[in-house]
Protein backbone atom coordinates (compact mmCIF):
# COMPACT_ATOMS: atom_id res chain seq x y z
CA MET A 1 -0.19 -0.13 -0.17
CA ALA A 2 1.22 3.55 -1.21
CA ALA A 3 2.24 5.42 2.27
CA ALA A 4 0.79 9.07 0.83
CA THR A 5 -2.48 8.18 -0.71
CA GLY A 6 -3.18 4.62 1.24
CA ALA A 7 -3.56 2.56 -2.70
CA VAL A 8 -2.96 -0.30 -3.34
CA ARG A 9 0.55 -0.40 -5.37
CA GLY A 10 -0.47 -3.65 -7.53
CA LEU A 11 1.04 -6.99 -7.61
CA LEU A 12 4.50 -6.55 -5.50
CA CYS A 13 6.21 -9.32 -3.67
CA THR A 14 6.17 -8.70 0.23
CA GLY A 15 9.65 -7.66 0.05
CA CYS A 16 9.46 -4.54 -2.88
CA ASN A 17 6.58 -3.56 -1.03
CA ALA A 18 8.47 -3.13 2.08
CA ALA A 19 11.49 -1.59 0.20
CA LEU A 20 9.33 0.66 -1.38
CA GLY A 21 7.73 1.93 1.77
CA HIS A 22 11.08 2.46 3.78
CA PHE A 23 11.89 4.62 0.61
CA GLY A 24 8.72 6.30 1.63
CA ASP A 25 7.61 6.31 -2.32
CA ARG A 26 9.88 8.59 -2.63
CA GLU A 27 11.51 8.42 -6.72
CA ASP A 28 14.73 10.65 -5.65
CA SER A 29 15.56 8.40 -2.61
CA LEU A 30 15.05 5.20 -5.25
CA LEU A 31 17.60 6.75 -8.05
CA ALA A 32 19.91 7.47 -5.15
CA ALA A 33 19.96 4.31 -3.99
CA VAL A 34 20.31 2.61 -7.85
CA ASP A 35 23.48 5.47 -8.15
CA TYR A 36 25.00 4.04 -5.18
CA LEU A 37 24.87 0.41 -6.56
CA ARG A 38 26.22 1.02 -9.99
CA ARG A 39 29.02 2.88 -8.35
CA ALA A 40 29.62 0.29 -5.70
CA ALA A 41 28.77 -2.55 -8.53
CA ALA A 42 32.21 -0.56 -10.90
CA THR A 43 34.44 -0.62 -7.94
CA PRO A 44 36.81 -3.72 -7.79
CA THR A 45 36.64 -5.46 -4.18
CA ALA A 46 39.80 -7.47 -3.36
CA ALA A 47 38.56 -10.80 -2.57
CA LYS A 48 39.05 -12.23 0.99
CA PRO A 49 40.90 -15.31 0.97
CA GLN A 50 38.61 -18.02 2.39
CA THR A 51 39.39 -19.49 5.85
CA THR A 52 41.00 -22.49 5.63
CA ARG A 53 41.02 -25.33 8.77
CA LEU A 54 43.49 -28.28 9.25
CA ARG A 55 41.91 -30.56 11.89
CA LEU A 56 43.98 -32.68 14.24
CA ILE A 57 42.54 -35.66 15.99
CA ASP A 58 44.80 -37.74 18.69
CA PRO A 59 43.97 -41.50 17.64
CA ALA A 60 44.84 -42.68 21.49
CA PRO A 61 41.53 -42.63 23.27
CA GLY A 62 41.34 -40.26 26.37
CA GLY A 63 44.20 -38.27 24.50
CA ARG A 64 44.30 -34.85 24.21
CA LEU A 65 41.44 -33.01 23.04
CA ASN A 66 41.35 -32.69 19.30
CA ARG A 67 41.88 -29.30 17.91
CA THR A 68 41.54 -27.13 14.87
CA VAL A 69 43.49 -24.38 13.58
CA ARG A 70 42.69 -21.70 11.20
CA PHE A 71 44.20 -20.28 7.82
CA ARG A 72 43.76 -17.66 5.68
CA GLY A 73 43.55 -19.04 1.62
CA ALA A 74 45.76 -22.10 0.56
CA THR A 75 48.53 -23.79 3.00
CA THR A 76 50.91 -26.11 3.44
CA VAL A 77 51.87 -27.47 6.46
CA ARG A 78 54.11 -30.34 8.18
CA VAL A 79 52.43 -32.60 10.51
CA ASP A 80 53.85 -35.64 11.93
CA GLY A 81 56.68 -35.66 9.15
CA TYR A 82 54.05 -35.32 6.19
CA LEU A 83 53.51 -32.89 3.80
CA VAL A 84 49.51 -31.82 3.92
CA SER A 85 48.55 -29.58 1.38
CA ILE A 86 45.15 -27.82 2.17
CA GLU A 87 43.47 -25.49 -0.66
CA ALA A 88 41.29 -22.02 0.41
CA GLY A 89 38.01 -22.93 2.07
CA GLU A 90 38.67 -26.63 2.77
CA THR A 91 38.88 -28.78 5.88
CA ARG A 92 41.40 -31.44 6.08
CA THR A 93 41.44 -33.87 9.26
CA VAL A 94 44.75 -35.27 10.31
CA VAL A 95 45.76 -38.11 12.53
CA SER A 96 48.24 -36.56 14.87
CA THR A 97 50.09 -38.78 17.32
CA SER A 98 52.24 -35.55 17.98
CA GLY A 99 49.55 -32.79 17.81
CA GLU A 100 51.83 -30.28 16.08
CA TYR A 101 52.15 -28.61 12.56
CA GLU A 102 54.58 -26.52 10.96
CA ILE A 103 53.68 -24.14 8.66
CA ILE A 104 55.65 -24.71 5.39
CA GLN A 105 54.27 -22.26 3.05
CA PRO A 106 50.79 -20.56 2.74
CA LYS A 107 50.50 -21.05 -1.26
CA THR A 108 49.53 -17.89 -3.12
CA THR A 109 46.98 -18.61 -6.30
């Protein structure tokens, strides 16, 4: 329903109807929002590296607690002498008797 006149706007979804109401049914406000969206779309943004997770699990029953280590982006780590490559956004679970890890290299993609 249009705020100023009380008239029914026509067939709009609930979200669109609410958005028009939030803009006060003002064309200048809507055009300013469109201008903002166009400028934002034209501005390149740097992609944030995805969080990568390494989950270390102790094989011994009743051993130390499992732990999860987080990295930014892809990386390679050494766990108990083995190299483990983890891609950006991936979670790798590794059984480790020591629970220790060493970062070999953060991968650049």
